[in-house]
Every structure is written in C-alpha cells, then in structure tokens.
PDB file of N, CA and C in Angstrom:
ATOM      1  N   MET A   1     -68.020  -1.525 -37.694  1.00  0.00           N
ATOM      2  CA  MET A   1     -67.254  -2.780 -37.633  1.00  0.00           C
ATOM      3  C   MET A   1     -67.878  -3.591 -36.412  1.00  0.00           C
ATOM      4  N   ASP A   2     -67.752  -4.820 -36.502  1.00  0.00           N
ATOM      5  CA  ASP A   2     -68.183  -5.781 -35.510  1.00  0.00           C
ATOM      6  C   ASP A   2     -67.047  -6.605 -35.022  1.00  0.00           C
ATOM      7  N   TYR A   3     -67.116  -7.189 -33.828  1.00  0.00           N
ATOM      8  CA  TYR A   3     -66.134  -8.082 -33.371  1.00  0.00           C
ATOM      9  C   TYR A   3     -66.402  -9.528 -33.801  1.00  0.00           C
ATOM     10  N   PHE A   4     -65.252 -10.139 -34.006  1.00  0.00           N
ATOM     11  CA  PHE A   4     -65.319 -11.652 -34.460  1.00  0.00           C
ATOM     12  C   PHE A   4     -64.236 -12.407 -33.645  1.00  0.00           C
ATOM     13  N   ALA A   5     -64.538 -13.598 -33.206  1.00  0.00           N
ATOM     14  CA  ALA A   5     -63.664 -14.429 -32.483  1.00  0.00           C
ATOM     15  C   ALA A   5     -63.112 -15.461 -33.451  1.00  0.00           C
ATOM     16  N   ILE A   6     -61.728 -15.468 -33.567  1.00  0.00           N
ATOM     17  CA  ILE A   6     -61.041 -16.404 -34.457  1.00  0.00           C
ATOM     18  C   ILE A   6     -60.441 -17.437 -33.556  1.00  0.00           C
ATOM     19  N   VAL A   7     -61.030 -18.628 -33.609  1.00  0.00           N
ATOM     20  CA  VAL A   7     -60.563 -19.719 -32.725  1.00  0.00           C
ATOM     21  C   VAL A   7     -59.888 -20.793 -33.532  1.00  0.00           C
ATOM     22  N   SER A   8     -58.649 -21.049 -33.217  1.00  0.00           N
ATOM     23  CA  SER A   8     -57.811 -22.024 -33.970  1.00  0.00           C
ATOM     24  C   SER A   8     -57.246 -23.088 -33.039  1.00  0.00           C
ATOM     25  N   PHE A   9     -57.143 -24.310 -33.603  1.00  0.00           N
ATOM     26  CA  PHE A   9     -56.556 -25.368 -32.864  1.00  0.00           C
ATOM     27  C   PHE A   9     -55.321 -25.917 -33.580  1.00  0.00           C
ATOM     28  N   ASP A  10     -54.243 -26.169 -32.846  1.00  0.00           N
ATOM     29  CA  ASP A  10     -53.011 -26.634 -33.387  1.00  0.00           C
ATOM     30  C   ASP A  10     -53.003 -28.105 -33.803  1.00  0.00           C
ATOM     31  N   VAL A  11     -52.141 -28.394 -34.669  1.00  0.00           N
ATOM     32  CA  VAL A  11     -51.772 -29.792 -34.936  1.00  0.00           C
ATOM     33  C   VAL A  11     -50.850 -30.255 -33.797  1.00  0.00           C
ATOM     34  N   ALA A  12     -50.699 -31.546 -33.693  1.00  0.00           N
ATOM     35  CA  ALA A  12     -49.818 -32.041 -32.687  1.00  0.00           C
ATOM     36  C   ALA A  12     -48.356 -31.576 -32.972  1.00  0.00           C
ATOM     37  N   GLU A  13     -47.588 -31.357 -31.907  1.00  0.00           N
ATOM     38  CA  GLU A  13     -46.208 -30.922 -32.063  1.00  0.00           C
ATOM     39  C   GLU A  13     -46.050 -29.642 -32.937  1.00  0.00           C
ATOM     40  N   SER A  14     -46.806 -28.609 -32.549  1.00  0.00           N
ATOM     41  CA  SER A  14     -46.812 -27.398 -33.290  1.00  0.00           C
ATOM     42  C   SER A  14     -45.730 -26.389 -32.873  1.00  0.00           C
ATOM     43  N   SER A  15     -44.945 -26.713 -31.866  1.00  0.00           N
ATOM     44  CA  SER A  15     -43.994 -25.716 -31.311  1.00  0.00           C
ATOM     45  C   SER A  15     -42.952 -25.199 -32.363  1.00  0.00           C
ATOM     46  N   ASP A  16     -42.466 -26.048 -33.263  1.00  0.00           N
ATOM     47  CA  ASP A  16     -41.501 -25.582 -34.188  1.00  0.00           C
ATOM     48  C   ASP A  16     -42.099 -24.619 -35.225  1.00  0.00           C
ATOM     49  N   GLY A  17     -43.307 -24.852 -35.636  1.00  0.00           N
ATOM     50  CA  GLY A  17     -44.044 -24.004 -36.551  1.00  0.00           C
ATOM     51  C   GLY A  17     -44.380 -22.673 -35.901  1.00  0.00           C
ATOM     52  N   ARG A  18     -44.743 -22.761 -34.634  1.00  0.00           N
ATOM     53  CA  ARG A  18     -45.053 -21.529 -33.833  1.00  0.00           C
ATOM     54  C   ARG A  18     -43.763 -20.665 -33.738  1.00  0.00           C
ATOM     55  N   ALA A  19     -42.677 -21.349 -33.502  1.00  0.00           N
ATOM     56  CA  ALA A  19     -41.403 -20.583 -33.385  1.00  0.00           C
ATOM     57  C   ALA A  19     -41.000 -19.937 -34.718  1.00  0.00           C
ATOM     58  N   LYS A  20     -41.221 -20.649 -35.802  1.00  0.00           N
ATOM     59  CA  LYS A  20     -40.875 -20.107 -37.136  1.00  0.00           C
ATOM     60  C   LYS A  20     -41.720 -18.906 -37.586  1.00  0.00           C
ATOM     61  N   ALA A  21     -42.997 -18.996 -37.231  1.00  0.00           N
ATOM     62  CA  ALA A  21     -43.930 -17.968 -37.733  1.00  0.00           C
ATOM     63  C   ALA A  21     -44.427 -16.941 -36.640  1.00  0.00           C
ATOM     64  N   GLY A  22     -43.922 -17.146 -35.423  1.00  0.00           N
ATOM     65  CA  GLY A  22     -44.428 -16.321 -34.313  1.00  0.00           C
ATOM     66  C   GLY A  22     -44.257 -14.885 -34.471  1.00  0.00           C
ATOM     67  N   GLU A  23     -43.070 -14.457 -34.938  1.00  0.00           N
ATOM     68  CA  GLU A  23     -42.815 -12.984 -35.043  1.00  0.00           C
ATOM     69  C   GLU A  23     -43.791 -12.378 -36.017  1.00  0.00           C
ATOM     70  N   GLU A  24     -43.939 -13.042 -37.207  1.00  0.00           N
ATOM     71  CA  GLU A  24     -44.862 -12.426 -38.189  1.00  0.00           C
ATOM     72  C   GLU A  24     -46.331 -12.480 -37.732  1.00  0.00           C
ATOM     73  N   HIS A  25     -46.690 -13.580 -37.006  1.00  0.00           N
ATOM     74  CA  HIS A  25     -48.041 -13.683 -36.475  1.00  0.00           C
ATOM     75  C   HIS A  25     -48.303 -12.502 -35.475  1.00  0.00           C
ATOM     76  N   ARG A  26     -47.350 -12.294 -34.545  1.00  0.00           N
ATOM     77  CA  ARG A  26     -47.540 -11.222 -33.564  1.00  0.00           C
ATOM     78  C   ARG A  26     -47.553  -9.819 -34.234  1.00  0.00           C
ATOM     79  N   ALA A  27     -46.786  -9.708 -35.310  1.00  0.00           N
ATOM     80  CA  ALA A  27     -46.726  -8.390 -36.022  1.00  0.00           C
ATOM     81  C   ALA A  27     -48.121  -8.046 -36.600  1.00  0.00           C
ATOM     82  N   ARG A  28     -48.855  -9.035 -37.036  1.00  0.00           N
ATOM     83  CA  ARG A  28     -50.171  -8.772 -37.585  1.00  0.00           C
ATOM     84  C   ARG A  28     -51.151  -8.363 -36.443  1.00  0.00           C
ATOM     85  N   LEU A  29     -50.929  -9.024 -35.331  1.00  0.00           N
ATOM     86  CA  LEU A  29     -51.764  -8.681 -34.141  1.00  0.00           C
ATOM     87  C   LEU A  29     -51.450  -7.245 -33.689  1.00  0.00           C
ATOM     88  N   THR A  30     -50.208  -6.908 -33.678  1.00  0.00           N
ATOM     89  CA  THR A  30     -49.791  -5.534 -33.369  1.00  0.00           C
ATOM     90  C   THR A  30     -50.411  -4.518 -34.210  1.00  0.00           C
ATOM     91  N   GLU A  31     -50.491  -4.835 -35.535  1.00  0.00           N
ATOM     92  CA  GLU A  31     -51.167  -3.924 -36.525  1.00  0.00           C
ATOM     93  C   GLU A  31     -52.560  -3.747 -36.126  1.00  0.00           C
ATOM     94  N   LEU A  32     -53.344  -4.802 -35.893  1.00  0.00           N
ATOM     95  CA  LEU A  32     -54.752  -4.696 -35.427  1.00  0.00           C
ATOM     96  C   LEU A  32     -54.802  -3.848 -34.175  1.00  0.00           C
ATOM     97  N   ASP A  33     -53.919  -4.061 -33.244  1.00  0.00           N
ATOM     98  CA  ASP A  33     -53.966  -3.335 -32.022  1.00  0.00           C
ATOM     99  C   ASP A  33     -53.732  -1.822 -32.218  1.00  0.00           C
ATOM    100  N   THR A  34     -52.770  -1.441 -33.082  1.00  0.00           N
ATOM    101  CA  THR A  34     -52.454  -0.138 -33.432  1.00  0.00           C
ATOM    102  C   THR A  34     -53.629   0.576 -34.098  1.00  0.00           C
ATOM    103  N   GLU A  35     -54.362  -0.209 -34.870  1.00  0.00           N
ATOM    104  CA  GLU A  35     -55.582   0.322 -35.484  1.00  0.00           C
ATOM    105  C   GLU A  35     -56.761   0.459 -34.601  1.00  0.00           C
ATOM    106  N   GLY A  36     -56.624  -0.026 -33.329  1.00  0.00           N
ATOM    107  CA  GLY A  36     -57.725  -0.036 -32.362  1.00  0.00           C
ATOM    108  C   GLY A  36     -58.750  -1.068 -32.571  1.00  0.00           C
ATOM    109  N   ARG A  37     -58.443  -2.149 -33.366  1.00  0.00           N
ATOM    110  CA  ARG A  37     -59.378  -3.149 -33.682  1.00  0.00           C
ATOM    111  C   ARG A  37     -59.181  -4.450 -32.895  1.00  0.00           C
ATOM    112  N   LEU A  38     -58.123  -4.609 -32.149  1.00  0.00           N
ATOM    113  CA  LEU A  38     -57.855  -5.824 -31.332  1.00  0.00           C
ATOM    114  C   LEU A  38     -58.469  -5.685 -29.932  1.00  0.00           C
ATOM    115  N   LEU A  39     -59.344  -6.570 -29.619  1.00  0.00           N
ATOM    116  CA  LEU A  39     -59.953  -6.632 -28.264  1.00  0.00           C
ATOM    117  C   LEU A  39     -59.007  -7.463 -27.354  1.00  0.00           C
ATOM    118  N   THR A  40     -58.667  -8.681 -27.833  1.00  0.00           N
ATOM    119  CA  THR A  40     -57.730  -9.529 -27.080  1.00  0.00           C
ATOM    120  C   THR A  40     -57.230 -10.602 -28.012  1.00  0.00           C
ATOM    121  N   ALA A  41     -56.148 -11.198 -27.615  1.00  0.00           N
ATOM    122  CA  ALA A  41     -55.535 -12.346 -28.412  1.00  0.00           C
ATOM    123  C   ALA A  41     -54.588 -13.064 -27.563  1.00  0.00           C
ATOM    124  N   GLY A  42     -54.520 -14.359 -27.666  1.00  0.00           N
ATOM    125  CA  GLY A  42     -53.594 -15.183 -26.897  1.00  0.00           C
ATOM    126  C   GLY A  42     -53.690 -16.695 -27.229  1.00  0.00           C
ATOM    127  N   PRO A  43     -52.641 -17.359 -26.783  1.00  0.00           N
ATOM    128  CA  PRO A  43     -52.635 -18.790 -27.020  1.00  0.00           C
ATOM    129  C   PRO A  43     -53.459 -19.558 -26.019  1.00  0.00           C
ATOM    130  N   LEU A  44     -53.841 -20.756 -26.329  1.00  0.00           N
ATOM    131  CA  LEU A  44     -54.539 -21.680 -25.507  1.00  0.00           C
ATOM    132  C   LEU A  44     -53.520 -22.754 -25.026  1.00  0.00           C
ATOM    133  N   PRO A  45     -53.066 -22.658 -23.752  1.00  0.00           N
ATOM    134  CA  PRO A  45     -52.070 -23.678 -23.314  1.00  0.00           C
ATOM    135  C   PRO A  45     -52.644 -25.090 -23.363  1.00  0.00           C
ATOM    136  N   SER A  46     -51.787 -26.066 -23.664  1.00  0.00           N
ATOM    137  CA  SER A  46     -52.161 -27.394 -23.693  1.00  0.00           C
ATOM    138  C   SER A  46     -52.566 -27.834 -22.218  1.00  0.00           C
ATOM    139  N   THR A  47     -53.451 -28.803 -22.173  1.00  0.00           N
ATOM    140  CA  THR A  47     -53.894 -29.361 -20.808  1.00  0.00           C
ATOM    141  C   THR A  47     -53.857 -30.897 -20.849  1.00  0.00           C
ATOM    142  N   ASP A  48     -53.725 -31.458 -19.734  1.00  0.00           N
ATOM    143  CA  ASP A  48     -53.834 -32.938 -19.625  1.00  0.00           C
ATOM    144  C   ASP A  48     -55.281 -33.360 -19.407  1.00  0.00           C
ATOM    145  N   ALA A  49     -55.549 -34.630 -19.216  1.00  0.00           N
ATOM    146  CA  ALA A  49     -56.848 -35.157 -19.076  1.00  0.00           C
ATOM    147  C   ALA A  49     -57.563 -34.602 -17.860  1.00  0.00           C
ATOM    148  N   TYR A  50     -56.778 -34.049 -16.880  1.00  0.00           N
ATOM    149  CA  TYR A  50     -57.340 -33.483 -15.677  1.00  0.00           C
ATOM    150  C   TYR A  50     -57.497 -31.933 -15.696  1.00  0.00           C
ATOM    151  N   GLY A  51     -57.215 -31.343 -16.850  1.00  0.00           N
ATOM    152  CA  GLY A  51     -57.360 -29.892 -17.050  1.00  0.00           C
ATOM    153  C   GLY A  51     -56.176 -29.144 -16.543  1.00  0.00           C
ATOM    154  N   GLN A  52     -55.109 -29.844 -16.185  1.00  0.00           N
ATOM    155  CA  GLN A  52     -53.876 -29.197 -15.714  1.00  0.00           C
ATOM    156  C   GLN A  52     -53.132 -28.694 -16.897  1.00  0.00           C
ATOM    157  N   ILE A  53     -52.536 -27.488 -16.877  1.00  0.00           N
ATOM    158  CA  ILE A  53     -51.736 -26.946 -17.943  1.00  0.00           C
ATOM    159  C   ILE A  53     -50.468 -27.754 -18.057  1.00  0.00           C
ATOM    160  N   THR A  54     -50.137 -28.065 -19.281  1.00  0.00           N
ATOM    161  CA  THR A  54     -48.903 -28.838 -19.642  1.00  0.00           C
ATOM    162  C   THR A  54     -48.065 -27.961 -20.562  1.00  0.00           C
ATOM    163  N   GLU A  55     -47.006 -28.503 -21.016  1.00  0.00           N
ATOM    164  CA  GLU A  55     -46.098 -27.803 -21.959  1.00  0.00           C
ATOM    165  C   GLU A  55     -46.731 -27.728 -23.325  1.00  0.00           C
ATOM    166  N   GLY A  56     -46.531 -26.645 -23.970  1.00  0.00           N
ATOM    167  CA  GLY A  56     -46.949 -26.376 -25.361  1.00  0.00           C
ATOM    168  C   GLY A  56     -48.317 -25.723 -25.410  1.00  0.00           C
ATOM    169  N   MET A  57     -48.822 -25.498 -26.638  1.00  0.00           N
ATOM    170  CA  MET A  57     -50.021 -24.814 -26.887  1.00  0.00           C
ATOM    171  C   MET A  57     -50.928 -25.748 -27.716  1.00  0.00           C
ATOM    172  N   GLN A  58     -52.271 -25.534 -27.478  1.00  0.00           N
ATOM    173  CA  GLN A  58     -53.222 -26.347 -28.249  1.00  0.00           C
ATOM    174  C   GLN A  58     -54.040 -25.467 -29.222  1.00  0.00           C
ATOM    175  N   GLY A  59     -53.757 -24.113 -29.205  1.00  0.00           N
ATOM    176  CA  GLY A  59     -54.462 -23.266 -30.154  1.00  0.00           C
ATOM    177  C   GLY A  59     -54.310 -21.798 -29.788  1.00  0.00           C
ATOM    178  N   SER A  60     -55.219 -21.008 -30.418  1.00  0.00           N
ATOM    179  CA  SER A  60     -55.179 -19.533 -30.184  1.00  0.00           C
ATOM    180  C   SER A  60     -56.588 -19.044 -30.323  1.00  0.00           C
ATOM    181  N   ILE A  61     -56.773 -17.824 -29.558  1.00  0.00           N
ATOM    182  CA  ILE A  61     -57.995 -17.070 -29.792  1.00  0.00           C
ATOM    183  C   ILE A  61     -57.639 -15.632 -30.054  1.00  0.00           C
ATOM    184  N   ILE A  62     -58.230 -15.117 -31.073  1.00  0.00           N
ATOM    185  CA  ILE A  62     -58.083 -13.674 -31.426  1.00  0.00           C
ATOM    186  C   ILE A  62     -59.472 -13.096 -31.501  1.00  0.00           C
ATOM    187  N   ILE A  63     -59.704 -11.957 -30.834  1.00  0.00           N
ATOM    188  CA  ILE A  63     -61.014 -11.273 -30.884  1.00  0.00           C
ATOM    189  C   ILE A  63     -60.690  -9.895 -31.423  1.00  0.00           C
ATOM    190  N   ALA A  64     -61.189  -9.536 -32.617  1.00  0.00           N
ATOM    191  CA  ALA A  64     -60.848  -8.298 -33.279  1.00  0.00           C
ATOM    192  C   ALA A  64     -62.019  -7.846 -34.102  1.00  0.00           C
ATOM    193  N   ALA A  65     -62.023  -6.555 -34.408  1.00  0.00           N
ATOM    194  CA  ALA A  65     -63.078  -5.917 -35.207  1.00  0.00           C
ATOM    195  C   ALA A  65     -62.685  -6.047 -36.748  1.00  0.00           C
ATOM    196  N   PHE A  66     -63.736  -6.424 -37.515  1.00  0.00           N
ATOM    197  CA  PHE A  66     -63.588  -6.494 -38.931  1.00  0.00           C
ATOM    198  C   PHE A  66     -64.970  -6.026 -39.540  1.00  0.00           C
ATOM    199  N   GLU A  67     -64.839  -5.664 -40.864  1.00  0.00           N
ATOM    200  CA  GLU A  67     -66.055  -5.092 -41.518  1.00  0.00           C
ATOM    201  C   GLU A  67     -67.212  -6.098 -41.475  1.00  0.00           C
ATOM    202  N   ASN A  68     -66.912  -7.440 -41.677  1.00  0.00           N
ATOM    203  CA  ASN A  68     -67.925  -8.440 -41.699  1.00  0.00           C
ATOM    204  C   ASN A  68     -67.245  -9.818 -41.522  1.00  0.00           C
ATOM    205  N   LEU A  69     -68.080 -10.829 -41.477  1.00  0.00           N
ATOM    206  CA  LEU A  69     -67.616 -12.176 -41.257  1.00  0.00           C
ATOM    207  C   LEU A  69     -66.611 -12.605 -42.328  1.00  0.00           C
ATOM    208  N   GLU A  70     -66.897 -12.373 -43.546  1.00  0.00           N
ATOM    209  CA  GLU A  70     -65.975 -12.699 -44.631  1.00  0.00           C
ATOM    210  C   GLU A  70     -64.648 -12.059 -44.530  1.00  0.00           C
ATOM    211  N   ALA A  71     -64.584 -10.822 -44.127  1.00  0.00           N
ATOM    212  CA  ALA A  71     -63.336 -10.063 -43.932  1.00  0.00           C
ATOM    213  C   ALA A  71     -62.525 -10.756 -42.804  1.00  0.00           C
ATOM    214  N   ALA A  72     -63.155 -11.170 -41.728  1.00  0.00           N
ATOM    215  CA  ALA A  72     -62.478 -11.848 -40.644  1.00  0.00           C
ATOM    216  C   ALA A  72     -62.004 -13.196 -41.104  1.00  0.00           C
ATOM    217  N   ARG A  73     -62.739 -13.919 -41.880  1.00  0.00           N
ATOM    218  CA  ARG A  73     -62.296 -15.206 -42.376  1.00  0.00           C
ATOM    219  C   ARG A  73     -61.108 -15.031 -43.282  1.00  0.00           C
ATOM    220  N   GLN A  74     -61.161 -14.017 -44.149  1.00  0.00           N
ATOM    221  CA  GLN A  74     -60.009 -13.818 -45.090  1.00  0.00           C
ATOM    222  C   GLN A  74     -58.749 -13.434 -44.310  1.00  0.00           C
ATOM    223  N   TRP A  75     -58.903 -12.612 -43.314  1.00  0.00           N
ATOM    224  CA  TRP A  75     -57.759 -12.264 -42.447  1.00  0.00           C
ATOM    225  C   TRP A  75     -57.158 -13.476 -41.776  1.00  0.00           C
ATOM    226  N   ALA A  76     -58.024 -14.367 -41.242  1.00  0.00           N
ATOM    227  CA  ALA A  76     -57.558 -15.559 -40.583  1.00  0.00           C
ATOM    228  C   ALA A  76     -56.914 -16.554 -41.530  1.00  0.00           C
ATOM    229  N   ALA A  77     -57.388 -16.587 -42.756  1.00  0.00           N
ATOM    230  CA  ALA A  77     -56.892 -17.556 -43.679  1.00  0.00           C
ATOM    231  C   ALA A  77     -55.461 -17.307 -44.081  1.00  0.00           C
ATOM    232  N   VAL A  78     -54.939 -16.034 -43.909  1.00  0.00           N
ATOM    233  CA  VAL A  78     -53.570 -15.773 -44.353  1.00  0.00           C
ATOM    234  C   VAL A  78     -52.724 -15.599 -43.085  1.00  0.00           C
ATOM    235  N   ASP A  79     -53.076 -16.027 -41.948  1.00  0.00           N
ATOM    236  CA  ASP A  79     -52.308 -15.984 -40.755  1.00  0.00           C
ATOM    237  C   ASP A  79     -51.018 -16.793 -41.019  1.00  0.00           C
ATOM    238  N   PRO A  80     -49.817 -16.257 -40.603  1.00  0.00           N
ATOM    239  CA  PRO A  80     -48.578 -17.011 -40.799  1.00  0.00           C
ATOM    240  C   PRO A  80     -48.599 -18.432 -40.219  1.00  0.00           C
ATOM    241  N   TYR A  81     -49.356 -18.571 -39.039  1.00  0.00           N
ATOM    242  CA  TYR A  81     -49.447 -19.883 -38.481  1.00  0.00           C
ATOM    243  C   TYR A  81     -50.158 -20.896 -39.455  1.00  0.00           C
ATOM    244  N   GLN A  82     -51.086 -20.392 -40.238  1.00  0.00           N
ATOM    245  CA  GLN A  82     -51.789 -21.231 -41.296  1.00  0.00           C
ATOM    246  C   GLN A  82     -50.727 -21.675 -42.305  1.00  0.00           C
ATOM    247  N   ALA A  83     -49.917 -20.717 -42.815  1.00  0.00           N
ATOM    248  CA  ALA A  83     -48.971 -21.031 -43.842  1.00  0.00           C
ATOM    249  C   ALA A  83     -47.859 -21.992 -43.337  1.00  0.00           C
ATOM    250  N   GLU A  84     -47.585 -21.891 -42.021  1.00  0.00           N
ATOM    251  CA  GLU A  84     -46.539 -22.777 -41.415  1.00  0.00           C
ATOM    252  C   GLU A  84     -47.115 -24.149 -40.978  1.00  0.00           C
ATOM    253  N   GLY A  85     -48.401 -24.357 -41.153  1.00  0.00           N
ATOM    254  CA  GLY A  85     -49.003 -25.603 -40.787  1.00  0.00           C
ATOM    255  C   GLY A  85     -49.289 -25.809 -39.348  1.00  0.00           C
ATOM    256  N   VAL A  86     -49.317 -24.775 -38.519  1.00  0.00           N
ATOM    257  CA  VAL A  86     -49.515 -24.846 -37.138  1.00  0.00           C
ATOM    258  C   VAL A  86     -50.928 -25.235 -36.834  1.00  0.00           C
ATOM    259  N   TYR A  87     -51.836 -24.619 -37.504  1.00  0.00           N
ATOM    260  CA  TYR A  87     -53.315 -24.802 -37.223  1.00  0.00           C
ATOM    261  C   TYR A  87     -53.876 -25.971 -38.018  1.00  0.00           C
ATOM    262  N   MET A  88     -54.633 -26.789 -37.329  1.00  0.00           N
ATOM    263  CA  MET A  88     -55.370 -27.861 -38.116  1.00  0.00           C
ATOM    264  C   MET A  88     -56.831 -27.460 -38.358  1.00  0.00           C
ATOM    265  N   GLU A  89     -57.221 -26.458 -37.575  1.00  0.00           N
ATOM    266  CA  GLU A  89     -58.657 -26.018 -37.770  1.00  0.00           C
ATOM    267  C   GLU A  89     -58.778 -24.617 -37.250  1.00  0.00           C
ATOM    268  N   THR A  90     -59.463 -23.739 -38.044  1.00  0.00           N
ATOM    269  CA  THR A  90     -59.783 -22.399 -37.605  1.00  0.00           C
ATOM    270  C   THR A  90     -61.263 -22.123 -37.910  1.00  0.00           C
ATOM    271  N   THR A  91     -61.923 -21.527 -36.947  1.00  0.00           N
ATOM    272  CA  THR A  91     -63.338 -21.150 -37.169  1.00  0.00           C
ATOM    273  C   THR A  91     -63.490 -19.723 -36.682  1.00  0.00           C
ATOM    274  N   VAL A  92     -64.284 -18.964 -37.372  1.00  0.00           N
ATOM    275  CA  VAL A  92     -64.559 -17.563 -37.065  1.00  0.00           C
ATOM    276  C   VAL A  92     -66.021 -17.401 -36.633  1.00  0.00           C
ATOM    277  N   TYR A  93     -66.232 -16.793 -35.485  1.00  0.00           N
ATOM    278  CA  TYR A  93     -67.600 -16.561 -34.965  1.00  0.00           C
ATOM    279  C   TYR A  93     -67.807 -15.078 -34.714  1.00  0.00           C
ATOM    280  N   PRO A  94     -69.047 -14.664 -34.993  1.00  0.00           N
ATOM    281  CA  PRO A  94     -69.394 -13.341 -34.513  1.00  0.00           C
ATOM    282  C   PRO A  94     -69.269 -13.286 -32.986  1.00  0.00           C
ATOM    283  N   TYR A  95     -68.852 -12.141 -32.469  1.00  0.00           N
ATOM    284  CA  TYR A  95     -68.620 -11.992 -31.056  1.00  0.00           C
ATOM    285  C   TYR A  95     -69.266 -10.657 -30.541  1.00  0.00           C
ATOM    286  N   LYS A  96     -70.011 -10.765 -29.470  1.00  0.00           N
ATOM    287  CA  LYS A  96     -70.631  -9.562 -28.910  1.00  0.00           C
ATOM    288  C   LYS A  96     -69.991  -9.211 -27.546  1.00  0.00           C
ATOM    289  N   LYS A  97     -69.267  -8.099 -27.554  1.00  0.00           N
ATOM    290  CA  LYS A  97     -68.652  -7.671 -26.294  1.00  0.00           C
ATOM    291  C   LYS A  97     -69.741  -7.118 -25.370  1.00  0.00           C
ATOM    292  N   VAL A  98     -69.813  -7.718 -24.157  1.00  0.00           N
ATOM    293  CA  VAL A  98     -70.795  -7.281 -23.173  1.00  0.00           C
ATOM    294  C   VAL A  98     -70.116  -6.618 -22.017  1.00  0.00           C
ATOM    295  N   PHE A  99     -68.997  -7.132 -21.565  1.00  0.00           N
ATOM    296  CA  PHE A  99     -68.225  -6.567 -20.391  1.00  0.00           C
ATOM    297  C   PHE A  99     -66.876  -6.081 -20.851  1.00  0.00           C
ATOM    298  N   GLY A 100     -66.259  -5.257 -20.019  1.00  0.00           N
ATOM    299  CA  GLY A 100     -64.929  -4.847 -20.256  1.00  0.00           C
ATOM    300  C   GLY A 100     -64.689  -3.588 -21.082  1.00  0.00           C
TER     301      GLY A 100
END
C-alpha cells in the first residue's frame, strides 16, 4: 500500500453540513486508523486575507494508505461530507512519507 493525500475544500458556509455529517466522517477515519492505514487527518481552519485563523473551516486533509490512486479516489468520493455538500472540490495526490 502507498500513502495518498486527500485534499478537500469546503463550500462557503459549510458548518451546518459539517455538523450533520461529522460523526460519520470521523467514524470512517477511525476505521482507517484502527486498520493502521491513517497517517494523519484534520481540518483546515479558515483564514483572513492576512493569514490569521478565523471562525469556521475551509477544508480538510487526510493522508492514508490505499492500494492505489483509484482506491483512494473511490474512498474519498463517498465521504459523508461529499454527500452532505460540504466539499466543493476534492483532489487526491500520491504522498511520500519522508519524516515522522
């Protein structure tokens, strides 16, 4: 298995959708973690024009092991945040762990 970075950006005003789908979204991450496949995951806090953190989230990053790029894309496509309309864009990249 190889690592892949799943990078997603939220639609504006995504907090309601995040609240609705958050538990199911985190359950899937817990499953990856239990399987030893999750390297890291977390939200991207919103920032203002000066780079200062503001209220809300602008997206998420998940780095996890999958059999191949297509498997990572398929996993990302059925994320509960996708179904709830939280994400406006998701891209999956191969990721090479160097440190940590």
